[in-house]
Amino acid sequence: MRPDKVVKIALKALDQRTPPLSVITGTMNRLMVQAERLVSRRRTTVTIGSMMDRAGAKR
């Protein structure tokens, strides 16, 4: 997701009368957050690490 779109979503959330505690943008980010609730922390870390490796992310 482009940075300008993330900023737009964040500012829109902050502009609400009662802003949410957190804002998660992007489908993949939402899936990762939900996955953390279902499996162990270690499994989540390994899975996300392998996803980032496939995407070409640098550590």
N, C-alpha and C. Protein backbone atom coordinates (compact mmCIF):
# COMPACT_ATOMS: atom_id res chain seq x y z
N MET A 1 0.85 -1.17 0.00
CA MET A 1 0.00 0.00 0.00
C MET A 1 0.90 1.24 0.00
N ARG A 2 0.50 2.21 -0.75
CA ARG A 2 1.30 3.42 -0.87
C ARG A 2 1.27 4.24 0.42
N PRO A 3 2.38 4.89 0.76
CA PRO A 3 2.44 5.66 2.00
C PRO A 3 1.39 6.76 2.09
N ASP A 4 1.08 7.42 0.98
CA ASP A 4 0.10 8.50 1.04
C ASP A 4 -1.29 7.97 1.39
N LYS A 5 -1.59 6.76 0.93
CA LYS A 5 -2.89 6.16 1.26
C LYS A 5 -2.94 5.77 2.75
N VAL A 6 -1.83 5.25 3.27
CA VAL A 6 -1.76 4.90 4.69
C VAL A 6 -1.96 6.14 5.55
N VAL A 7 -1.30 7.23 5.19
CA VAL A 7 -1.44 8.48 5.94
C VAL A 7 -2.88 8.97 5.88
N LYS A 8 -3.49 8.90 4.72
CA LYS A 8 -4.88 9.35 4.56
C LYS A 8 -5.81 8.55 5.48
N ILE A 9 -5.62 7.23 5.53
CA ILE A 9 -6.46 6.38 6.39
C ILE A 9 -6.20 6.70 7.86
N ALA A 10 -4.95 6.90 8.23
CA ALA A 10 -4.62 7.21 9.62
C ALA A 10 -5.22 8.54 10.06
N LEU A 11 -5.10 9.55 9.21
CA LEU A 11 -5.66 10.86 9.56
C LEU A 11 -7.18 10.82 9.63
N LYS A 12 -7.80 10.03 8.76
CA LYS A 12 -9.25 9.88 8.80
C LYS A 12 -9.68 9.23 10.12
N ALA A 13 -8.93 8.23 10.56
CA ALA A 13 -9.25 7.56 11.83
C ALA A 13 -9.07 8.52 13.01
N LEU A 14 -8.01 9.32 12.97
CA LEU A 14 -7.76 10.27 14.06
C LEU A 14 -8.78 11.40 14.10
N ASP A 15 -9.43 11.66 12.97
CA ASP A 15 -10.40 12.73 12.88
C ASP A 15 -11.76 12.34 13.47
N GLN A 16 -11.94 11.07 13.80
CA GLN A 16 -13.20 10.61 14.38
C GLN A 16 -13.37 11.14 15.80
N ARG A 17 -14.61 11.22 16.22
CA ARG A 17 -14.90 11.71 17.57
C ARG A 17 -14.24 10.82 18.63
N THR A 18 -14.35 9.52 18.47
CA THR A 18 -13.66 8.57 19.35
C THR A 18 -12.78 7.68 18.47
N PRO A 19 -11.54 8.08 18.26
CA PRO A 19 -10.66 7.33 17.35
C PRO A 19 -10.36 5.93 17.90
N PRO A 20 -10.15 4.98 17.00
CA PRO A 20 -9.81 3.62 17.44
C PRO A 20 -8.43 3.58 18.08
N LEU A 21 -8.19 2.54 18.89
CA LEU A 21 -6.90 2.41 19.55
C LEU A 21 -5.78 2.15 18.54
N SER A 22 -6.12 1.46 17.47
CA SER A 22 -5.13 1.21 16.41
C SER A 22 -5.84 1.11 15.07
N VAL A 23 -5.08 1.35 14.02
CA VAL A 23 -5.60 1.26 12.66
C VAL A 23 -4.66 0.35 11.89
N ILE A 24 -5.23 -0.68 11.27
CA ILE A 24 -4.43 -1.63 10.49
C ILE A 24 -4.84 -1.47 9.03
N THR A 25 -3.88 -1.09 8.20
CA THR A 25 -4.17 -0.88 6.78
C THR A 25 -3.62 -2.05 5.98
N GLY A 26 -4.32 -2.41 4.95
CA GLY A 26 -3.86 -3.46 4.05
C GLY A 26 -4.38 -4.83 4.44
N THR A 27 -4.75 -5.58 3.45
CA THR A 27 -5.31 -6.92 3.67
C THR A 27 -4.30 -7.86 4.32
N MET A 28 -3.08 -7.86 3.82
CA MET A 28 -2.06 -8.76 4.36
C MET A 28 -1.76 -8.43 5.82
N ASN A 29 -1.70 -7.15 6.15
CA ASN A 29 -1.45 -6.76 7.54
C ASN A 29 -2.59 -7.22 8.45
N ARG A 30 -3.82 -7.09 7.99
CA ARG A 30 -4.96 -7.55 8.78
C ARG A 30 -4.91 -9.05 9.00
N LEU A 31 -4.55 -9.79 7.95
CA LEU A 31 -4.44 -11.25 8.08
C LEU A 31 -3.36 -11.63 9.09
N MET A 32 -2.23 -10.93 9.06
CA MET A 32 -1.15 -11.23 10.00
C MET A 32 -1.59 -10.97 11.44
N VAL A 33 -2.32 -9.89 11.66
CA VAL A 33 -2.79 -9.57 13.01
C VAL A 33 -3.77 -10.63 13.49
N GLN A 34 -4.68 -11.04 12.63
CA GLN A 34 -5.64 -12.08 13.01
C GLN A 34 -4.95 -13.42 13.26
N ALA A 35 -3.94 -13.72 12.47
CA ALA A 35 -3.20 -14.99 12.64
C ALA A 35 -2.52 -15.04 13.99
N GLU A 36 -2.04 -13.92 14.48
CA GLU A 36 -1.37 -13.88 15.77
C GLU A 36 -2.30 -14.31 16.89
N ARG A 37 -3.58 -14.10 16.73
CA ARG A 37 -4.54 -14.47 17.76
C ARG A 37 -4.84 -15.96 17.76
N LEU A 38 -4.57 -16.63 16.64
CA LEU A 38 -4.95 -18.04 16.49
C LEU A 38 -3.82 -19.02 16.77
N VAL A 39 -2.58 -18.60 16.56
CA VAL A 39 -1.45 -19.51 16.71
C VAL A 39 -0.43 -18.93 17.68
N SER A 40 0.57 -19.75 18.02
CA SER A 40 1.59 -19.30 18.96
C SER A 40 2.43 -18.16 18.38
N ARG A 41 3.05 -17.42 19.25
CA ARG A 41 3.88 -16.28 18.83
C ARG A 41 5.05 -16.76 17.98
N ARG A 42 5.65 -17.88 18.38
CA ARG A 42 6.78 -18.41 17.62
C ARG A 42 6.36 -18.80 16.20
N ARG A 43 5.24 -19.48 16.08
CA ARG A 43 4.76 -19.90 14.75
C ARG A 43 4.46 -18.69 13.87
N THR A 44 3.87 -17.66 14.48
CA THR A 44 3.58 -16.43 13.73
C THR A 44 4.86 -15.80 13.22
N THR A 45 5.88 -15.74 14.07
CA THR A 45 7.15 -15.13 13.69
C THR A 45 7.80 -15.89 12.54
N VAL A 46 7.80 -17.21 12.62
CA VAL A 46 8.40 -18.02 11.55
C VAL A 46 7.64 -17.83 10.24
N THR A 47 6.32 -17.85 10.31
CA THR A 47 5.50 -17.72 9.10
C THR A 47 5.69 -16.35 8.45
N ILE A 48 5.62 -15.30 9.24
CA ILE A 48 5.78 -13.95 8.69
C ILE A 48 7.19 -13.76 8.13
N GLY A 49 8.19 -14.33 8.82
CA GLY A 49 9.56 -14.26 8.32
C GLY A 49 9.70 -14.91 6.95
N SER A 50 9.07 -16.07 6.78
CA SER A 50 9.17 -16.74 5.48
C SER A 50 8.41 -15.97 4.40
N MET A 51 7.31 -15.34 4.77
CA MET A 51 6.56 -14.52 3.81
C MET A 51 7.40 -13.33 3.37
N MET A 52 8.11 -12.72 4.30
CA MET A 52 8.95 -11.56 3.96
C MET A 52 10.12 -11.99 3.10
N ASP A 53 10.69 -13.16 3.38
CA ASP A 53 11.78 -13.66 2.56
C ASP A 53 11.34 -13.87 1.12
N ARG A 54 10.15 -14.43 0.95
CA ARG A 54 9.63 -14.65 -0.40
C ARG A 54 9.33 -13.32 -1.10
N ALA A 55 8.96 -12.31 -0.34
CA ALA A 55 8.64 -11.01 -0.92
C ALA A 55 9.91 -10.20 -1.21
N GLY A 56 11.05 -10.68 -0.75
CA GLY A 56 12.31 -10.00 -1.02
C GLY A 56 12.66 -8.93 -0.01
N ALA A 57 12.07 -9.00 1.18
CA ALA A 57 12.37 -8.01 2.22
C ALA A 57 13.77 -8.27 2.77
N LYS A 58 14.45 -7.19 3.09
CA LYS A 58 15.79 -7.31 3.66
C LYS A 58 15.71 -7.17 5.16
N ARG A 59 16.59 -7.89 5.85
CA ARG A 59 16.61 -7.81 7.31
C ARG A 59 17.71 -6.90 7.77
